[in-house]
Amino acid sequence: SSFLFLSVVRFVSDPDFVTDWIGYLLELQFGMAIIIGSVLERFIKKKNSWVFWAGIFVIVILLNCYIVSNLAIKQFSNIGNAYQQKIITILKENVPKGERVFLSGTPVFWINAYLDQAQIRGGNDSASVHPFWRHAAFQIREGKDPLVSRDLLFALGVPYVLVHKDDSEEVFRDFKVPAKFESRYFKNIAGENDMLYKVDKSELLSYSSSDPDEYRGSREVSRGNSSRLRSNNNEFFGIARIADERIMKVKKPRSGDDKEAIASYVSYIKRPANAAFLKPNVLTLKFSTDQGEVVSLAVAYHPSWRIVKGEGRIDKDAFGNIAITPEKSGEQQFVLSFSRKTLEIALPIFISLVFCFALLYHESISRFLSRVFSRRSFGLSENDD
């Protein structure tokens, strides 16, 4: 009954994700086993019941063996069904290793079981470190403005988007306005009903100006010498970019569709820098900076990121991304490592052990506390109200 109540509450609060209910399949199996066992126990006589239960046990074991061998193992060895194989092929043949792709729907859950693919998830990604990444993902998925979506993908270091059309086999067609990807800011490079788009490199222009409105959608400079238009040399700006130091003073976006703040942020990105993850928690960078420049990373900031090679400091920008301010200009190589301090790891373990001890010996602790506090007086007699 408790599980049924929680299921109803979840459905009422978010009907679009009712199929997430199957995520509780294991709990459902336990619940059904308890219910069936309780019913059978009431209606079957205890005489010779051990024979019946032994038979049920054997049937259940054989049934589970059949399910595991013929469904789970066989399906895994065949790398999924035709739809999964199609998505895997599209990404494997068109997305270079190490580059990110924006995914939504079911592929976000199973793609990394078959393919080492860096991804940014659409939808409610509760695991994202910085809240603005969730706002950006929501806007890319459900927003109407193609230019805002392009700028957000640029800011997050994502050159590819996989869009599921109405005739796709995908259950979750999360993009509310898929037609926006047909604009000049994107280019279809693969697929028909499951289409892989790439951000059009010719449209990625970095515009150093104090007025972000001049940058948005413009290709010509017409407001004086204070503005400067810079092309990206036909190279996508990935997770590491050299940016003007003024990017650190950009106001924080109010939401995922804050056009002015997003355009201002993107306008200060100048050129790409070389970056590679040696390990999931180790990032190496090679770049050259001039005076007044910083390194902007499309990686969410966290205090556990530390510089282990190179001279500079790590800050957080308005998007919640990492920004590195080098101490000197010129050619440089940095290595960043994500590692927690011993205290950060030990403290949660210690607190958990304390709570476990309290649960195991709660009766003894309760008696001890009762004796201690019964001897203490707080200035009131037992007859006082």
Foldseek 3Di string as FASTA:
>chain_A
DVLVVVLVVVCVVPVVVNVCVCVCVVVVVVVVVVVVVVVCVVPPDPVVVVVVVVVVVVVVVVVVVCCCVVPVVVCVVVQHDPQRVVVLVVCVVPPDPPAEEEDEAPCVPCVVVPDPHHYQYADDPVPDPDVQSNLQSPCLQENDALLLVLLSCLLLFHFKYWAAAPPRPGPPRRRPCVCSCVDPQWDFDDDDRGTMIGGQLQLQKAKDDPFLVCVRPDDDDDDDDRIDIAHAVSDRAGFKFKFFLCLQVQAAQPGSPSPRSSSVNSNGTHYHWDWDAPDPFKIKTKDFFDPRIKMWGSAADDPQKDWPDAAWDWDAGSSRTIITDHPDGTIDMTMIGRDDDPCVVVVVVVVVVVVVVCVVCVVVVVVVVCVVVVPDDPPDDPPDD
